[in-house]
């Protein structure tokens, strides 16, 4: 019985993983484009560092990741 619980727990964990890798907070405007391929690992991601990185990469702004993966910086491009 224990062997059946472990795979089901792993399946559940895999289903929930996208929640941990999405940017946190706020409603996104319809025209914002979160570029999932534009993220960077930053130690103790801060908004200031993340914004500086994203602007240097040609994006409009950046946000730190959610919960456990707070060390990821996600960039977005807003409509003009």
Protein backbone atom coordinates (compact mmCIF):
# COMPACT_ATOMS: atom_id res chain seq x y z
CA UNK A 1 0.00 0.00 0.00
CA UNK A 2 2.87 2.41 0.78
CA UNK A 3 4.29 1.85 -2.71
CA UNK A 4 1.03 3.10 -4.24
CA UNK A 5 1.03 6.28 -2.14
CA UNK A 6 4.48 7.43 -3.26
CA UNK A 7 3.78 7.48 -7.03
CA UNK A 8 0.43 9.23 -6.50
CA UNK A 9 2.15 11.86 -4.35
CA UNK A 10 4.77 12.39 -7.08
CA UNK A 11 2.04 12.75 -9.72
CA UNK A 12 0.28 15.34 -7.59
CA UNK A 13 3.55 17.18 -7.07
CA UNK A 14 4.21 17.25 -10.81
CA UNK A 15 0.73 18.65 -11.44
CA UNK A 16 1.29 21.43 -8.92
CA UNK A 17 4.80 22.39 -10.09
CA UNK A 18 3.60 25.04 -12.60
CA UNK A 19 2.09 26.99 -9.68
CA UNK A 20 5.56 27.35 -8.17
CA UNK A 21 7.19 28.47 -11.40
CA UNK A 22 4.76 31.24 -12.31
CA UNK A 23 5.36 34.88 -11.40
CA UNK A 24 3.65 36.07 -8.26
CA UNK A 25 1.17 38.77 -7.53
CA UNK A 26 -1.27 41.04 -9.20
CA UNK A 27 -3.45 40.87 -12.24
CA UNK A 28 -1.62 40.93 -15.51
CA UNK A 29 -2.88 43.25 -18.21
CA UNK A 30 -4.23 41.45 -21.25
CA UNK A 31 -1.47 42.87 -23.38
CA UNK A 32 1.39 41.83 -21.08
CA UNK A 33 3.45 39.02 -22.46
CA UNK A 34 5.31 36.97 -19.85
CA UNK A 35 8.28 35.53 -21.65
CA UNK A 36 8.75 32.16 -19.99
CA UNK A 37 12.05 31.66 -21.76
CA UNK A 38 13.35 34.92 -20.27
CA UNK A 39 14.09 34.19 -16.66
CA UNK A 40 17.23 34.22 -14.63
CA UNK A 41 18.28 32.65 -11.38
CA UNK A 42 19.06 35.43 -8.88
CA UNK A 43 20.18 34.74 -5.33
CA UNK A 44 17.53 36.27 -3.07
CA UNK A 45 15.72 37.91 -5.95
CA UNK A 46 14.76 41.51 -5.29
CA UNK A 47 12.49 43.67 -7.43
CA UNK A 48 15.28 46.15 -8.06
CA UNK A 49 17.77 43.51 -9.29
CA UNK A 50 15.11 41.74 -11.32
CA UNK A 51 13.94 44.96 -13.02
CA UNK A 52 17.53 45.95 -13.84
CA UNK A 53 18.18 42.55 -15.40
CA UNK A 54 14.95 42.52 -17.42
CA UNK A 55 15.39 46.05 -18.75
CA UNK A 56 18.94 45.18 -19.83
CA UNK A 57 17.49 42.19 -21.71
CA UNK A 58 14.98 44.40 -23.56
CA UNK A 59 11.89 43.63 -21.47
CA UNK A 60 9.69 46.22 -19.80
CA UNK A 61 9.91 44.94 -16.22
CA UNK A 62 10.47 41.87 -14.10
CA UNK A 63 9.01 40.02 -11.13
CA UNK A 64 10.50 37.54 -8.73
CA UNK A 65 9.07 34.03 -8.70
CA UNK A 66 6.56 32.55 -6.29
CA UNK A 67 7.18 30.85 -2.91
CA UNK A 68 9.94 28.25 -3.12
CA UNK A 69 11.44 29.46 -6.40
CA UNK A 70 11.69 33.09 -5.32
CA UNK A 71 15.21 33.08 -6.75
CA UNK A 72 13.85 33.16 -10.33
CA UNK A 73 13.36 36.50 -12.07
CA UNK A 74 10.68 36.57 -14.77
CA UNK A 75 10.58 39.28 -17.42
CA UNK A 76 7.57 40.74 -19.22
CA UNK A 77 6.95 43.04 -22.16
CA UNK A 78 3.98 45.38 -21.95
CA UNK A 79 2.10 46.86 -24.86
CA UNK A 80 3.10 50.31 -26.01
